[in-house]
Amino acid sequence: MAQFIEFVGNHWILSTVWVGLVVALALHRTKSSGESVSPQQAVMLINRSDAVVLDIRDKKDFDAGHIVDAIHIPLSKLDSRITELDKHKSVPVVVACRLGQHSADAVKALRKAGFTQVLRLAGGMIEWRAQNLPLVQK
């Protein structure tokens, strides 16, 4: 720890630039990936606002367990199948992936297509399962 403090003291400009870049990256990622909702907030949106869940995982993962009435469009096919979601532009769309990391790309694509109420499921399906929320399994 003493060496770290000594390094920062000797290279304060470099350290300041590094901290600034980390903060800028975090802000950029937060702004570009869209707002996220917890599983409990997603349930409330589904029940109160008729939100739609878009599951962007692969078919194997989707079949292993998905949210009730979720629409399945794998992320790799989203651009070509985005018109299937046009009837849901007026309601919130919650995008779910495995860990909550890939949903940012889907949020960007949906916003580009004119969707205004697009949210990411924080923690993805892993968090949904961890909270013992209901799943449909085939």
C-alpha atoms as a PDB file:
ATOM      1  CA  MET A   1       0.000   0.000   0.000  1.00  0.00           C
ATOM      2  CA  ALA A   2       2.862   2.341   0.764  1.00  0.00           C
ATOM      3  CA  GLN A   3       4.282   1.759  -2.724  1.00  0.00           C
ATOM      4  CA  PHE A   4       0.924   2.600  -4.272  1.00  0.00           C
ATOM      5  CA  ILE A   5       0.727   5.895  -2.391  1.00  0.00           C
ATOM      6  CA  GLU A   6       4.319   6.666  -3.356  1.00  0.00           C
ATOM      7  CA  PHE A   7       3.556   5.894  -7.020  1.00  0.00           C
ATOM      8  CA  VAL A   8       0.496   8.163  -7.002  1.00  0.00           C
ATOM      9  CA  GLY A   9       2.524  10.919  -5.340  1.00  0.00           C
ATOM     10  CA  ASN A  10       5.335  10.642  -7.880  1.00  0.00           C
ATOM     11  CA  HIS A  11       3.022  10.276 -10.908  1.00  0.00           C
ATOM     12  CA  TRP A  12       0.010  12.341  -9.949  1.00  0.00           C
ATOM     13  CA  ILE A  13      -0.732  13.456 -13.516  1.00  0.00           C
ATOM     14  CA  LEU A  14      -0.758   9.890 -14.809  1.00  0.00           C
ATOM     15  CA  SER A  15      -2.908   8.777 -11.865  1.00  0.00           C
ATOM     16  CA  THR A  16      -5.389  11.612 -12.415  1.00  0.00           C
ATOM     17  CA  VAL A  17      -5.706  10.799 -16.114  1.00  0.00           C
ATOM     18  CA  TRP A  18      -6.253   7.121 -15.308  1.00  0.00           C
ATOM     19  CA  VAL A  19      -9.013   7.899 -12.775  1.00  0.00           C
ATOM     20  CA  GLY A  20     -10.618  10.287 -15.269  1.00  0.00           C
ATOM     21  CA  LEU A  21     -10.639   7.635 -17.982  1.00  0.00           C
ATOM     22  CA  VAL A  22     -12.203   5.059 -15.671  1.00  0.00           C
ATOM     23  CA  VAL A  23     -14.950   7.503 -14.679  1.00  0.00           C
ATOM     24  CA  ALA A  24     -15.557   8.481 -18.324  1.00  0.00           C
ATOM     25  CA  LEU A  25     -15.795   4.830 -19.349  1.00  0.00           C
ATOM     26  CA  ALA A  26     -18.244   4.069 -16.552  1.00  0.00           C
ATOM     27  CA  LEU A  27     -20.438   7.053 -17.455  1.00  0.00           C
ATOM     28  CA  HIS A  28     -20.383   6.199 -21.148  1.00  0.00           C
ATOM     29  CA  ARG A  29     -21.311   2.580 -20.474  1.00  0.00           C
ATOM     30  CA  THR A  30     -24.146   3.616 -18.180  1.00  0.00           C
ATOM     31  CA  LYS A  31     -25.588   6.120 -20.645  1.00  0.00           C
ATOM     32  CA  SER A  32     -25.273   3.948 -23.729  1.00  0.00           C
ATOM     33  CA  SER A  33     -26.561   0.716 -22.219  1.00  0.00           C
ATOM     34  CA  GLY A  34     -29.838   2.130 -20.982  1.00  0.00           C
ATOM     35  CA  GLU A  35     -31.634   1.995 -17.699  1.00  0.00           C
ATOM     36  CA  SER A  36     -31.734  -1.277 -15.825  1.00  0.00           C
ATOM     37  CA  VAL A  37     -34.428  -2.689 -13.577  1.00  0.00           C
ATOM     38  CA  SER A  38     -34.169  -5.278 -10.833  1.00  0.00           C
ATOM     39  CA  PRO A  39     -36.158  -8.501 -11.150  1.00  0.00           C
ATOM     40  CA  GLN A  40     -38.712  -7.156  -8.642  1.00  0.00           C
ATOM     41  CA  GLN A  41     -39.131  -3.948 -10.636  1.00  0.00           C
ATOM     42  CA  ALA A  42     -39.514  -6.009 -13.806  1.00  0.00           C
ATOM     43  CA  VAL A  43     -42.302  -8.043 -12.185  1.00  0.00           C
ATOM     44  CA  MET A  44     -44.073  -4.826 -11.192  1.00  0.00           C
ATOM     45  CA  LEU A  45     -43.737  -3.479 -14.750  1.00  0.00           C
ATOM     46  CA  ILE A  46     -45.121  -6.717 -16.182  1.00  0.00           C
ATOM     47  CA  ASN A  47     -48.074  -6.747 -13.773  1.00  0.00           C
ATOM     48  CA  ARG A  48     -48.921  -3.029 -13.743  1.00  0.00           C
ATOM     49  CA  SER A  49     -47.823  -1.719 -17.148  1.00  0.00           C
ATOM     50  CA  ASP A  50     -48.182  -4.844 -19.297  1.00  0.00           C
ATOM     51  CA  ALA A  51     -44.455  -4.771 -20.008  1.00  0.00           C
ATOM     52  CA  VAL A  52     -43.089  -7.255 -22.510  1.00  0.00           C
ATOM     53  CA  VAL A  53     -40.020  -9.374 -21.797  1.00  0.00           C
ATOM     54  CA  LEU A  54     -37.624  -9.916 -24.690  1.00  0.00           C
ATOM     55  CA  ASP A  55     -35.298 -12.848 -24.076  1.00  0.00           C
ATOM     56  CA  ILE A  56     -32.193 -12.589 -26.270  1.00  0.00           C
ATOM     57  CA  ARG A  57     -30.438 -15.789 -25.144  1.00  0.00           C
ATOM     58  CA  ASP A  58     -29.821 -18.784 -27.388  1.00  0.00           C
ATOM     59  CA  LYS A  59     -32.641 -21.290 -27.897  1.00  0.00           C
ATOM     60  CA  LYS A  60     -31.004 -23.888 -25.637  1.00  0.00           C
ATOM     61  CA  ASP A  61     -30.851 -21.444 -22.730  1.00  0.00           C
ATOM     62  CA  PHE A  62     -34.367 -20.181 -23.448  1.00  0.00           C
ATOM     63  CA  ASP A  63     -35.781 -23.712 -23.405  1.00  0.00           C
ATOM     64  CA  ALA A  64     -33.998 -24.450 -20.116  1.00  0.00           C
ATOM     65  CA  GLY A  65     -36.107 -21.754 -18.438  1.00  0.00           C
ATOM     66  CA  HIS A  66     -37.593 -18.407 -19.356  1.00  0.00           C
ATOM     67  CA  ILE A  67     -39.929 -15.772 -17.965  1.00  0.00           C
ATOM     68  CA  VAL A  68     -43.630 -16.394 -18.548  1.00  0.00           C
ATOM     69  CA  ASP A  69     -44.807 -14.981 -21.914  1.00  0.00           C
ATOM     70  CA  ALA A  70     -41.289 -13.853 -22.858  1.00  0.00           C
ATOM     71  CA  ILE A  71     -40.668 -13.241 -26.539  1.00  0.00           C
ATOM     72  CA  HIS A  72     -37.611 -15.131 -27.727  1.00  0.00           C
ATOM     73  CA  ILE A  73     -35.407 -13.478 -30.331  1.00  0.00           C
ATOM     74  CA  PRO A  74     -31.706 -14.356 -30.092  1.00  0.00           C
ATOM     75  CA  LEU A  75     -29.408 -11.346 -30.100  1.00  0.00           C
ATOM     76  CA  SER A  76     -27.745 -12.554 -33.304  1.00  0.00           C
ATOM     77  CA  LYS A  77     -31.118 -12.389 -35.124  1.00  0.00           C
ATOM     78  CA  LEU A  78     -32.542  -9.271 -33.496  1.00  0.00           C
ATOM     79  CA  ASP A  79     -31.758  -6.888 -36.357  1.00  0.00           C
ATOM     80  CA  SER A  80     -33.590  -9.037 -38.897  1.00  0.00           C
ATOM     81  CA  ARG A  81     -36.558  -9.841 -36.616  1.00  0.00           C
ATOM     82  CA  ILE A  82     -37.051  -6.507 -34.849  1.00  0.00           C
ATOM     83  CA  THR A  83     -40.257  -5.828 -36.805  1.00  0.00           C
ATOM     84  CA  GLU A  84     -41.921  -8.643 -34.830  1.00  0.00           C
ATOM     85  CA  LEU A  85     -41.857  -6.301 -31.838  1.00  0.00           C
ATOM     86  CA  ASP A  86     -43.452  -3.283 -33.538  1.00  0.00           C
ATOM     87  CA  LYS A  87     -46.829  -3.901 -31.872  1.00  0.00           C
ATOM     88  CA  HIS A  88     -45.123  -3.499 -28.468  1.00  0.00           C
ATOM     89  CA  LYS A  89     -43.690  -0.008 -29.035  1.00  0.00           C
ATOM     90  CA  SER A  90     -46.226   1.577 -26.695  1.00  0.00           C
ATOM     91  CA  VAL A  91     -45.379  -0.579 -23.649  1.00  0.00           C
ATOM     92  CA  PRO A  92     -42.162  -1.052 -21.672  1.00  0.00           C
ATOM     93  CA  VAL A  93     -39.830  -3.714 -23.063  1.00  0.00           C
ATOM     94  CA  VAL A  94     -37.562  -5.497 -20.576  1.00  0.00           C
ATOM     95  CA  VAL A  95     -34.571  -7.126 -22.273  1.00  0.00           C
ATOM     96  CA  ALA A  96     -33.245 -10.247 -20.569  1.00  0.00           C
ATOM     97  CA  CYS A  97     -30.005 -12.070 -21.284  1.00  0.00           C
ATOM     98  CA  ARG A  98     -27.963 -14.536 -19.257  1.00  0.00           C
ATOM     99  CA  LEU A  99     -25.978 -12.156 -17.025  1.00  0.00           C
ATOM    100  CA  GLY A 100     -27.295  -8.738 -18.019  1.00  0.00           C
ATOM    101  CA  GLN A 101     -24.264  -7.802 -20.100  1.00  0.00           C
ATOM    102  CA  HIS A 102     -25.397  -8.477 -23.668  1.00  0.00           C
ATOM    103  CA  SER A 103     -28.745  -6.779 -23.204  1.00  0.00           C
ATOM    104  CA  ALA A 104     -27.101  -3.362 -23.738  1.00  0.00           C
ATOM    105  CA  ASP A 105     -26.611  -4.188 -27.428  1.00  0.00           C
ATOM    106  CA  ALA A 106     -30.274  -5.145 -27.751  1.00  0.00           C
ATOM    107  CA  VAL A 107     -31.350  -1.948 -25.982  1.00  0.00           C
ATOM    108  CA  LYS A 108     -29.342   0.115 -28.487  1.00  0.00           C
ATOM    109  CA  ALA A 109     -30.913  -1.726 -31.432  1.00  0.00           C
ATOM    110  CA  LEU A 110     -34.434  -1.295 -30.057  1.00  0.00           C
ATOM    111  CA  ARG A 111     -33.930   2.399 -29.367  1.00  0.00           C
ATOM    112  CA  LYS A 112     -32.594   2.848 -32.886  1.00  0.00           C
ATOM    113  CA  ALA A 113     -35.788   1.172 -34.166  1.00  0.00           C
ATOM    114  CA  GLY A 114     -37.950   3.689 -32.318  1.00  0.00           C
ATOM    115  CA  PHE A 115     -38.706   1.990 -29.009  1.00  0.00           C
ATOM    116  CA  THR A 116     -38.752   4.531 -26.186  1.00  0.00           C
ATOM    117  CA  GLN A 117     -39.370   2.424 -23.073  1.00  0.00           C
ATOM    118  CA  VAL A 118     -36.565  -0.143 -23.205  1.00  0.00           C
ATOM    119  CA  LEU A 119     -35.005  -1.455 -19.994  1.00  0.00           C
ATOM    120  CA  ARG A 120     -32.345  -4.042 -19.151  1.00  0.00           C
ATOM    121  CA  LEU A 121     -32.947  -6.796 -16.602  1.00  0.00           C
ATOM    122  CA  ALA A 122     -30.185  -6.212 -14.041  1.00  0.00           C
ATOM    123  CA  GLY A 123     -28.280  -9.423 -13.412  1.00  0.00           C
ATOM    124  CA  GLY A 124     -30.105 -11.154 -16.248  1.00  0.00           C
ATOM    125  CA  MET A 125     -31.679 -14.568 -15.894  1.00  0.00           C
ATOM    126  CA  ILE A 126     -29.032 -15.616 -13.378  1.00  0.00           C
ATOM    127  CA  GLU A 127     -30.394 -13.025 -10.940  1.00  0.00           C
ATOM    128  CA  TRP A 128     -33.985 -13.970 -11.805  1.00  0.00           C
ATOM    129  CA  ARG A 129     -33.251 -17.595 -10.879  1.00  0.00           C
ATOM    130  CA  ALA A 130     -31.319 -16.575  -7.749  1.00  0.00           C
ATOM    131  CA  GLN A 131     -34.416 -14.798  -6.485  1.00  0.00           C
ATOM    132  CA  ASN A 132     -36.566 -17.898  -7.121  1.00  0.00           C
ATOM    133  CA  LEU A 133     -38.910 -16.080  -9.467  1.00  0.00           C
ATOM    134  CA  PRO A 134     -41.157 -18.216 -11.706  1.00  0.00           C
ATOM    135  CA  LEU A 135     -39.792 -19.770 -14.897  1.00  0.00           C
ATOM    136  CA  VAL A 136     -41.363 -21.735 -17.715  1.00  0.00           C
ATOM    137  CA  GLN A 137     -39.366 -24.811 -18.683  1.00  0.00           C
ATOM    138  CA  LYS A 138     -39.886 -26.911 -21.783  1.00  0.00           C
END
